[in-house]
C-alpha atoms as a PDB file:
ATOM      1  CA  MET A   1     -36.163  79.643  27.395  1.00  0.00           C
ATOM      2  CA  SER A   2     -34.213  82.539  25.873  1.00  0.00           C
ATOM      3  CA  LYS A   3     -32.872  83.538  29.303  1.00  0.00           C
ATOM      4  CA  GLU A   4     -31.540  80.016  29.738  1.00  0.00           C
ATOM      5  CA  ARG A   5     -29.823  80.126  26.326  1.00  0.00           C
ATOM      6  CA  GLN A   6     -28.404  83.530  27.130  1.00  0.00           C
ATOM      7  CA  ARG A   7     -27.025  82.279  30.459  1.00  0.00           C
ATOM      8  CA  ARG A   8     -25.411  79.198  28.813  1.00  0.00           C
ATOM      9  CA  ARG A   9     -23.952  81.336  26.068  1.00  0.00           C
ATOM     10  CA  ALA A  10     -22.508  83.722  28.661  1.00  0.00           C
ATOM     11  CA  GLU A  11     -20.963  80.756  30.485  1.00  0.00           C
ATOM     12  CA  ARG A  12     -19.447  79.435  27.225  1.00  0.00           C
ATOM     13  CA  LEU A  13     -18.027  82.850  26.403  1.00  0.00           C
ATOM     14  CA  ALA A  14     -16.586  83.179  29.921  1.00  0.00           C
ATOM     15  CA  VAL A  15     -14.875  79.797  29.593  1.00  0.00           C
ATOM     16  CA  LEU A  16     -13.526  80.721  26.151  1.00  0.00           C
ATOM     17  CA  GLU A  17     -12.199  84.044  27.455  1.00  0.00           C
ATOM     18  CA  ARG A  18     -10.515  82.299  30.384  1.00  0.00           C
ATOM     19  CA  ASP A  19      -8.897  79.752  28.034  1.00  0.00           C
ATOM     20  CA  LYS A  20      -7.790  82.523  25.712  1.00  0.00           C
ATOM     21  CA  ALA A  21      -6.195  84.415  28.625  1.00  0.00           C
ATOM     22  CA  VAL A  22      -4.370  81.278  29.810  1.00  0.00           C
ATOM     23  CA  ARG A  23      -3.109  80.636  26.289  1.00  0.00           C
ATOM     24  CA  ALA A  24      -1.981  84.256  25.918  1.00  0.00           C
ATOM     25  CA  ARG A  25      -0.046  84.059  29.199  1.00  0.00           C
ATOM     26  CA  LYS A  26       1.677  80.851  28.055  1.00  0.00           C
ATOM     27  CA  VAL A  27       2.613  82.382  24.709  1.00  0.00           C
ATOM     28  CA  ALA A  28       3.916  85.543  26.388  1.00  0.00           C
ATOM     29  CA  ARG A  29       5.982  83.485  28.844  1.00  0.00           C
ATOM     30  CA  ARG A  30       7.397  81.403  25.993  1.00  0.00           C
ATOM     31  CA  GLN A  31       8.321  84.532  24.042  1.00  0.00           C
ATOM     32  CA  ARG A  32       9.997  86.127  27.076  1.00  0.00           C
ATOM     33  CA  ARG A  33      11.963  82.934  27.726  1.00  0.00           C
ATOM     34  CA  ARG A  34      12.991  82.689  24.063  1.00  0.00           C
ATOM     35  CA  ALA A  35      14.062  86.354  24.039  1.00  0.00           C
ATOM     36  CA  LEU A  36      16.116  85.824  27.200  1.00  0.00           C
ATOM     37  CA  VAL A  37      17.829  82.748  25.780  1.00  0.00           C
ATOM     38  CA  THR A  38      18.665  84.471  22.497  1.00  0.00           C
ATOM     39  CA  SER A  39      20.015  87.507  24.348  1.00  0.00           C
ATOM     40  CA  LEU A  40      22.306  85.291  26.450  1.00  0.00           C
ATOM     41  CA  LYS A  41      23.673  83.246  23.535  1.00  0.00           C
ATOM     42  CA  PRO A  42      26.850  84.665  21.989  1.00  0.00           C
ATOM     43  CA  ARG A  43      26.574  85.836  18.410  1.00  0.00           C
ATOM     44  CA  PHE A  44      29.311  84.598  16.105  1.00  0.00           C
ATOM     45  CA  GLY A  45      28.111  85.527  12.658  1.00  0.00           C
ATOM     46  CA  LYS A  46      26.067  83.914   9.943  1.00  0.00           C
ATOM     47  CA  SER A  47      27.575  80.441  10.189  1.00  0.00           C
ATOM     48  CA  GLY A  48      27.299  80.236  13.972  1.00  0.00           C
ATOM     49  CA  ARG A  49      30.992  79.469  14.357  1.00  0.00           C
ATOM     50  CA  LEU A  50      33.532  81.689  16.061  1.00  0.00           C
ATOM     51  CA  TYR A  51      35.676  81.920  12.946  1.00  0.00           C
ATOM     52  CA  HIS A  52      35.707  80.376   9.517  1.00  0.00           C
ATOM     53  CA  ARG A  53      38.516  78.901   7.495  1.00  0.00           C
ATOM     54  CA  SER A  54      38.083  78.154   3.840  1.00  0.00           C
ATOM     55  CA  LEU A  55      38.660  74.637   2.573  1.00  0.00           C
ATOM     56  CA  ARG A  56      41.866  75.751   0.889  1.00  0.00           C
ATOM     57  CA  GLN A  57      43.182  77.215   4.139  1.00  0.00           C
ATOM     58  CA  ARG A  58      42.359  74.076   6.119  1.00  0.00           C
ATOM     59  CA  ILE A  59      44.033  71.856   3.522  1.00  0.00           C
ATOM     60  CA  GLY A  60      47.076  74.152   3.532  1.00  0.00           C
ATOM     61  CA  ILE A  61      47.328  73.983   7.314  1.00  0.00           C
ATOM     62  CA  VAL A  62      47.148  70.181   7.353  1.00  0.00           C
ATOM     63  CA  VAL A  63      49.550  69.677   4.424  1.00  0.00           C
ATOM     64  CA  GLY A  64      52.044  72.186   5.824  1.00  0.00           C
ATOM     65  CA  THR A  65      51.998  70.530   9.228  1.00  0.00           C
ATOM     66  CA  VAL A  66      52.372  67.047   7.778  1.00  0.00           C
ATOM     67  CA  LEU A  67      55.280  68.200   5.571  1.00  0.00           C
ATOM     68  CA  ALA A  68      57.014  69.843   8.528  1.00  0.00           C
ATOM     69  CA  VAL A  69      56.640  66.699  10.666  1.00  0.00           C
ATOM     70  CA  ALA A  70      57.854  64.534   7.783  1.00  0.00           C
ATOM     71  CA  ALA A  71      60.877  66.793   7.305  1.00  0.00           C
ATOM     72  CA  VAL A  72      61.700  66.541  11.012  1.00  0.00           C
ATOM     73  CA  TRP A  73      61.454  62.756  10.975  1.00  0.00           C
ATOM     74  CA  LEU A  74      63.477  62.405   7.766  1.00  0.00           C
ATOM     75  CA  LEU A  75      66.237  64.930   8.426  1.00  0.00           C
ATOM     76  CA  ILE A  76      66.862  64.626  12.179  1.00  0.00           C
ATOM     77  CA  PRO A  77      68.754  61.469  13.210  1.00  0.00           C
ATOM     78  CA  ASP A  78      68.226  61.656  17.008  1.00  0.00           C
ATOM     79  CA  LEU A  79      64.929  60.122  18.226  1.00  0.00           C
ATOM     80  CA  ALA A  80      64.564  62.346  21.293  1.00  0.00           C
ATOM     81  CA  LEU A  81      65.050  65.494  19.199  1.00  0.00           C
ATOM     82  CA  ARG A  82      62.495  64.218  16.662  1.00  0.00           C
ATOM     83  CA  ILE A  83      59.900  63.748  19.401  1.00  0.00           C
ATOM     84  CA  ILE A  84      60.614  67.163  20.940  1.00  0.00           C
ATOM     85  CA  LEU A  85      60.417  68.958  17.584  1.00  0.00           C
ATOM     86  CA  THR A  86      57.193  67.138  16.671  1.00  0.00           C
ATOM     87  CA  ALA A  87      55.626  68.143  19.998  1.00  0.00           C
ATOM     88  CA  MET A  88      56.748  71.737  19.458  1.00  0.00           C
ATOM     89  CA  LEU A  89      55.184  71.728  15.983  1.00  0.00           C
ATOM     90  CA  VAL A  90      51.897  70.376  17.312  1.00  0.00           C
ATOM     91  CA  LEU A  91      51.827  73.079  19.976  1.00  0.00           C
ATOM     92  CA  ALA A  92      52.993  75.911  17.710  1.00  0.00           C
ATOM     93  CA  VAL A  93      50.796  75.298  14.649  1.00  0.00           C
ATOM     94  CA  PRO A  94      47.545  76.677  16.165  1.00  0.00           C
ATOM     95  CA  ALA A  95      49.299  79.874  17.263  1.00  0.00           C
ATOM     96  CA  LEU A  96      50.929  80.268  13.847  1.00  0.00           C
ATOM     97  CA  VAL A  97      47.602  79.745  12.099  1.00  0.00           C
ATOM     98  CA  VAL A  98      46.011  82.527  14.143  1.00  0.00           C
ATOM     99  CA  VAL A  99      48.927  84.857  13.478  1.00  0.00           C
ATOM    100  CA  VAL A 100      49.083  84.116   9.736  1.00  0.00           C
ATOM    101  CA  PHE A 101      45.383  83.917   8.866  1.00  0.00           C
ATOM    102  CA  GLY A 102      43.948  86.062  11.649  1.00  0.00           C
ATOM    103  CA  ARG A 103      40.627  85.537  13.370  1.00  0.00           C
ATOM    104  CA  ARG A 104      37.685  86.693  11.301  1.00  0.00           C
ATOM    105  CA  ALA A 105      34.307  86.976  12.984  1.00  0.00           C
END
C-alpha cells in the first residue's frame, strides 16, 4: 500500500514539475517579448510625447495666428493676395513655433 502511495505521489510531483516548467517557459518568453518591445519603442520623456508646450504657449500660438490672419483679411483689399498670405501663414507658423520656442525633449 505505501509503495502505491509513493508511486502516485511521484507521478503527481512529476506532473506538477512539468506544469511549473511550462509556466516558467511562458513567463520567460513573455518577459523577453516585453523587453524587446520596450527596447524598440522610442523614448520621448516622462509624458510620452515628442515635445511639450505649456497651455500658455499653445494659447499664444493660436491667438497670434488668428490675429495675423485677421489682420491680413482686414488690411489687404485684394482677395487673391489675402488667400496667398493666409496660406503662407498656415505653412510658416509651425516653422516659426519651432524656431521661437525650440524643441524640448
